[in-house]
Amino acid sequence: MADTGMVSVGQLVRERHMGKGVVLVGFGSYSGTVVAADAWGGVPRVMDVPPARTGSLEDLLHGALSGERALFVFPHVQLQRPPTSGRGEWFHEEHGHRAIGVVYRPGYERLGNYVPTVLAERYDAFCHLDRTRALTPLRPMAAESREEQTWPAGV
């Protein structure tokens, strides 16, 4: 993202709240359903999430965990690459990571929904849920600013 001049929410949070106990937790799933919109300001709806692209982080975790859930916590110290043991070194290598958020476009799954990510450097922790089910908010809350808007319709 930085190479193309884009900024992630995680980067904004780290820059504005560094030293205040900020922990970035990423989420990923192999397949399932989510609630998202086709575009900013669009109407949210339940969307199918197809199986992850071969070689992506979600695909690697799906294969390694045989469909189980997992939480990975990465230390806050300078990470050193582990020896090539065949176990987990891909946490320290760049792989595609499926980006699903307020906006998701399943039709672009093979083209543009994956961002290059080194998992152990991007997040402090990562939660893998092999298959997800779309959630419905208990009650939508109005956002006080555009930055706080997390629901696509901007209620």
C-alpha atoms as a PDB file:
ATOM      1  CA  MET A   1       0.000   0.000   0.000  1.00  0.00           C
ATOM      2  CA  ALA A   2       2.800   2.405   0.877  1.00  0.00           C
ATOM      3  CA  ASP A   3       4.371   1.873  -2.550  1.00  0.00           C
ATOM      4  CA  THR A   4       1.193   3.219  -4.177  1.00  0.00           C
ATOM      5  CA  GLY A   5       0.722   6.101  -1.708  1.00  0.00           C
ATOM      6  CA  MET A   6      -2.199   4.492   0.148  1.00  0.00           C
ATOM      7  CA  VAL A   7      -2.592   4.480   3.931  1.00  0.00           C
ATOM      8  CA  SER A   8      -4.192   1.666   5.928  1.00  0.00           C
ATOM      9  CA  VAL A   9      -6.390   2.080   8.982  1.00  0.00           C
ATOM     10  CA  GLY A  10      -3.732   0.245  10.984  1.00  0.00           C
ATOM     11  CA  GLN A  11      -1.090   2.762   9.922  1.00  0.00           C
ATOM     12  CA  LEU A  12      -3.344   5.682  10.931  1.00  0.00           C
ATOM     13  CA  VAL A  13      -4.043   4.130  14.337  1.00  0.00           C
ATOM     14  CA  ARG A  14      -0.364   3.441  14.988  1.00  0.00           C
ATOM     15  CA  GLU A  15       0.651   6.981  13.969  1.00  0.00           C
ATOM     16  CA  ARG A  16      -2.014   8.703  16.079  1.00  0.00           C
ATOM     17  CA  HIS A  17      -2.038   6.476  19.145  1.00  0.00           C
ATOM     18  CA  MET A  18       1.465   4.969  19.361  1.00  0.00           C
ATOM     19  CA  GLY A  19       2.475   4.403  22.955  1.00  0.00           C
ATOM     20  CA  LYS A  20      -1.121   4.253  24.196  1.00  0.00           C
ATOM     21  CA  GLY A  21      -1.414   0.479  24.197  1.00  0.00           C
ATOM     22  CA  VAL A  22      -2.454   0.138  20.561  1.00  0.00           C
ATOM     23  CA  VAL A  23      -2.546  -3.460  19.368  1.00  0.00           C
ATOM     24  CA  LEU A  24      -3.349  -4.255  15.744  1.00  0.00           C
ATOM     25  CA  VAL A  25      -5.251  -7.498  15.280  1.00  0.00           C
ATOM     26  CA  GLY A  26      -5.815  -8.787  11.772  1.00  0.00           C
ATOM     27  CA  PHE A  27      -8.472 -11.240  10.714  1.00  0.00           C
ATOM     28  CA  GLY A  28      -8.618 -13.675   7.859  1.00  0.00           C
ATOM     29  CA  SER A  29     -10.803 -16.513   6.676  1.00  0.00           C
ATOM     30  CA  TYR A  30     -10.620 -19.152   4.012  1.00  0.00           C
ATOM     31  CA  SER A  31     -14.277 -18.848   2.947  1.00  0.00           C
ATOM     32  CA  GLY A  32     -17.764 -17.966   4.206  1.00  0.00           C
ATOM     33  CA  THR A  33     -19.981 -14.892   4.174  1.00  0.00           C
ATOM     34  CA  VAL A  34     -19.558 -11.252   5.256  1.00  0.00           C
ATOM     35  CA  VAL A  35     -21.632  -8.067   5.426  1.00  0.00           C
ATOM     36  CA  ALA A  36     -20.141  -5.344   3.229  1.00  0.00           C
ATOM     37  CA  ALA A  37     -21.019  -2.927   0.448  1.00  0.00           C
ATOM     38  CA  ASP A  38     -19.937  -2.826  -3.193  1.00  0.00           C
ATOM     39  CA  ALA A  39     -18.658   0.764  -2.744  1.00  0.00           C
ATOM     40  CA  TRP A  40     -18.257   3.452  -0.065  1.00  0.00           C
ATOM     41  CA  GLY A  41     -21.705   4.723   0.838  1.00  0.00           C
ATOM     42  CA  GLY A  42     -23.301   1.631  -0.686  1.00  0.00           C
ATOM     43  CA  VAL A  43     -25.989  -0.484   0.906  1.00  0.00           C
ATOM     44  CA  PRO A  44     -24.503  -3.277   3.029  1.00  0.00           C
ATOM     45  CA  ARG A  45     -25.534  -6.820   2.179  1.00  0.00           C
ATOM     46  CA  VAL A  46     -24.493 -10.385   2.856  1.00  0.00           C
ATOM     47  CA  MET A  47     -21.847 -11.512   0.373  1.00  0.00           C
ATOM     48  CA  ASP A  48     -20.292 -14.895  -0.272  1.00  0.00           C
ATOM     49  CA  VAL A  49     -16.542 -15.154   0.273  1.00  0.00           C
ATOM     50  CA  PRO A  50     -15.115 -17.781  -2.095  1.00  0.00           C
ATOM     51  CA  PRO A  51     -12.255 -20.089  -1.077  1.00  0.00           C
ATOM     52  CA  ALA A  52      -8.979 -18.190  -0.710  1.00  0.00           C
ATOM     53  CA  ARG A  53      -6.539 -17.859  -3.578  1.00  0.00           C
ATOM     54  CA  THR A  54      -3.881 -20.585  -3.725  1.00  0.00           C
ATOM     55  CA  GLY A  55      -0.708 -19.514  -1.907  1.00  0.00           C
ATOM     56  CA  SER A  56      -2.390 -16.687   0.035  1.00  0.00           C
ATOM     57  CA  LEU A  57      -2.060 -16.424   3.814  1.00  0.00           C
ATOM     58  CA  GLU A  58      -5.640 -17.625   4.194  1.00  0.00           C
ATOM     59  CA  ASP A  59      -4.939 -20.634   1.978  1.00  0.00           C
ATOM     60  CA  LEU A  60      -1.734 -21.476   3.870  1.00  0.00           C
ATOM     61  CA  LEU A  61      -3.529 -21.265   7.224  1.00  0.00           C
ATOM     62  CA  HIS A  62      -6.453 -23.325   5.917  1.00  0.00           C
ATOM     63  CA  GLY A  63      -4.039 -26.058   4.853  1.00  0.00           C
ATOM     64  CA  ALA A  64      -1.884 -25.935   7.976  1.00  0.00           C
ATOM     65  CA  LEU A  65      -4.769 -25.864  10.442  1.00  0.00           C
ATOM     66  CA  SER A  66      -7.117 -28.335   8.716  1.00  0.00           C
ATOM     67  CA  GLY A  67     -10.073 -25.991   9.098  1.00  0.00           C
ATOM     68  CA  GLU A  68      -9.494 -25.064  12.739  1.00  0.00           C
ATOM     69  CA  ARG A  69      -9.528 -21.558  14.255  1.00  0.00           C
ATOM     70  CA  ALA A  70      -6.292 -20.034  15.542  1.00  0.00           C
ATOM     71  CA  LEU A  71      -4.888 -16.900  17.139  1.00  0.00           C
ATOM     72  CA  PHE A  72      -1.279 -15.951  16.487  1.00  0.00           C
ATOM     73  CA  VAL A  73       0.458 -13.349  18.662  1.00  0.00           C
ATOM     74  CA  PHE A  74       3.630 -11.732  17.398  1.00  0.00           C
ATOM     75  CA  PRO A  75       6.178 -10.212  19.807  1.00  0.00           C
ATOM     76  CA  HIS A  76       6.704  -6.445  20.048  1.00  0.00           C
ATOM     77  CA  VAL A  77      10.463  -6.823  19.672  1.00  0.00           C
ATOM     78  CA  GLN A  78      12.451  -6.678  16.454  1.00  0.00           C
ATOM     79  CA  LEU A  79      11.570  -9.914  14.711  1.00  0.00           C
ATOM     80  CA  GLN A  80      14.308 -12.099  13.354  1.00  0.00           C
ATOM     81  CA  ARG A  81      13.527 -14.519  10.586  1.00  0.00           C
ATOM     82  CA  PRO A  82      13.281 -18.080  11.896  1.00  0.00           C
ATOM     83  CA  PRO A  83      15.490 -20.796  10.497  1.00  0.00           C
ATOM     84  CA  THR A  84      14.055 -22.530   7.447  1.00  0.00           C
ATOM     85  CA  SER A  85      12.392 -25.357   9.309  1.00  0.00           C
ATOM     86  CA  GLY A  86       9.274 -25.780   7.204  1.00  0.00           C
ATOM     87  CA  ARG A  87       7.125 -24.536  10.113  1.00  0.00           C
ATOM     88  CA  GLY A  88       5.762 -21.010  10.150  1.00  0.00           C
ATOM     89  CA  GLU A  89       8.520 -19.239   8.246  1.00  0.00           C
ATOM     90  CA  TRP A  90       5.825 -17.949   5.898  1.00  0.00           C
ATOM     91  CA  PHE A  91       4.662 -15.623   8.704  1.00  0.00           C
ATOM     92  CA  HIS A  92       7.835 -13.701   7.893  1.00  0.00           C
ATOM     93  CA  GLU A  93       7.492 -13.863   4.091  1.00  0.00           C
ATOM     94  CA  GLU A  94       5.333 -11.745   1.820  1.00  0.00           C
ATOM     95  CA  HIS A  95       2.094 -13.362   0.698  1.00  0.00           C
ATOM     96  CA  GLY A  96      -1.252 -12.127  -0.543  1.00  0.00           C
ATOM     97  CA  HIS A  97      -3.706 -11.372   2.269  1.00  0.00           C
ATOM     98  CA  ARG A  98      -7.386 -11.000   1.380  1.00  0.00           C
ATOM     99  CA  ALA A  99      -8.665  -7.498   2.180  1.00  0.00           C
ATOM    100  CA  ILE A 100     -12.296  -7.553   3.266  1.00  0.00           C
ATOM    101  CA  GLY A 101     -13.677  -4.537   5.073  1.00  0.00           C
ATOM    102  CA  VAL A 102     -16.490  -2.042   4.742  1.00  0.00           C
ATOM    103  CA  VAL A 103     -16.179  -2.491   0.983  1.00  0.00           C
ATOM    104  CA  TYR A 104     -15.732  -5.895  -0.664  1.00  0.00           C
ATOM    105  CA  ARG A 105     -16.001  -6.822  -4.313  1.00  0.00           C
ATOM    106  CA  PRO A 106     -16.197 -10.603  -4.763  1.00  0.00           C
ATOM    107  CA  GLY A 107     -16.014 -10.171  -8.547  1.00  0.00           C
ATOM    108  CA  TYR A 108     -12.431  -8.907  -8.145  1.00  0.00           C
ATOM    109  CA  GLU A 109     -11.393 -11.852  -5.969  1.00  0.00           C
ATOM    110  CA  ARG A 110      -8.677 -13.104  -8.297  1.00  0.00           C
ATOM    111  CA  LEU A 111      -7.567  -9.619  -9.388  1.00  0.00           C
ATOM    112  CA  GLY A 112      -7.586  -7.051  -6.629  1.00  0.00           C
ATOM    113  CA  ASN A 113      -8.777  -8.234  -3.225  1.00  0.00           C
ATOM    114  CA  TYR A 114      -5.349  -9.349  -2.037  1.00  0.00           C
ATOM    115  CA  VAL A 115      -2.662  -7.071  -0.615  1.00  0.00           C
ATOM    116  CA  PRO A 116       1.010  -8.044  -0.221  1.00  0.00           C
ATOM    117  CA  THR A 117       1.532  -8.693   3.491  1.00  0.00           C
ATOM    118  CA  VAL A 118       4.228  -9.938   5.848  1.00  0.00           C
ATOM    119  CA  LEU A 119       1.902 -11.163   8.576  1.00  0.00           C
ATOM    120  CA  ALA A 120       4.326 -10.915  11.511  1.00  0.00           C
ATOM    121  CA  GLU A 121       5.204  -7.323  10.566  1.00  0.00           C
ATOM    122  CA  ARG A 122       1.732  -5.983   9.726  1.00  0.00           C
ATOM    123  CA  TYR A 123      -0.105  -7.136  12.851  1.00  0.00           C
ATOM    124  CA  ASP A 124       0.554  -7.652  16.547  1.00  0.00           C
ATOM    125  CA  ALA A 125      -1.844 -10.597  16.451  1.00  0.00           C
ATOM    126  CA  PHE A 126      -3.800 -12.419  13.769  1.00  0.00           C
ATOM    127  CA  CYS A 127      -7.026 -14.386  14.141  1.00  0.00           C
ATOM    128  CA  HIS A 128      -7.767 -17.041  11.537  1.00  0.00           C
ATOM    129  CA  LEU A 129     -11.371 -18.228  11.230  1.00  0.00           C
ATOM    130  CA  ASP A 130     -11.522 -20.869   8.542  1.00  0.00           C
ATOM    131  CA  ARG A 131     -15.155 -20.194   7.634  1.00  0.00           C
ATOM    132  CA  THR A 132     -17.082 -17.057   8.579  1.00  0.00           C
ATOM    133  CA  ARG A 133     -20.774 -16.212   8.805  1.00  0.00           C
ATOM    134  CA  ALA A 134     -22.041 -12.700   8.164  1.00  0.00           C
ATOM    135  CA  LEU A 135     -22.939 -10.727  11.285  1.00  0.00           C
ATOM    136  CA  THR A 136     -25.708  -8.211  11.847  1.00  0.00           C
ATOM    137  CA  PRO A 137     -24.966  -5.261  14.151  1.00  0.00           C
ATOM    138  CA  LEU A 138     -27.090  -5.102  17.302  1.00  0.00           C
ATOM    139  CA  ARG A 139     -27.789  -1.436  16.601  1.00  0.00           C
ATOM    140  CA  PRO A 140     -26.095   0.887  14.130  1.00  0.00           C
ATOM    141  CA  MET A 141     -24.461   3.919  15.713  1.00  0.00           C
ATOM    142  CA  ALA A 142     -23.946   7.280  14.048  1.00  0.00           C
ATOM    143  CA  ALA A 143     -20.334   8.121  13.248  1.00  0.00           C
ATOM    144  CA  GLU A 144     -19.146  11.455  14.623  1.00  0.00           C
ATOM    145  CA  SER A 145     -16.621  11.907  11.811  1.00  0.00           C
ATOM    146  CA  ARG A 146     -15.890  10.420   8.397  1.00  0.00           C
ATOM    147  CA  GLU A 147     -12.841   8.673   9.833  1.00  0.00           C
ATOM    148  CA  GLU A 148     -15.002   6.913  12.419  1.00  0.00           C
ATOM    149  CA  GLN A 149     -17.424   5.641   9.798  1.00  0.00           C
ATOM    150  CA  THR A 150     -17.250   1.853   9.784  1.00  0.00           C
ATOM    151  CA  TRP A 151     -20.661   0.987   8.411  1.00  0.00           C
ATOM    152  CA  PRO A 152     -20.922   1.423   4.625  1.00  0.00           C
ATOM    153  CA  ALA A 153     -24.184   3.370   4.647  1.00  0.00           C
ATOM    154  CA  GLY A 154     -22.861   5.936   7.143  1.00  0.00           C
ATOM    155  CA  VAL A 155     -25.791   5.702   9.545  1.00  0.00           C
END
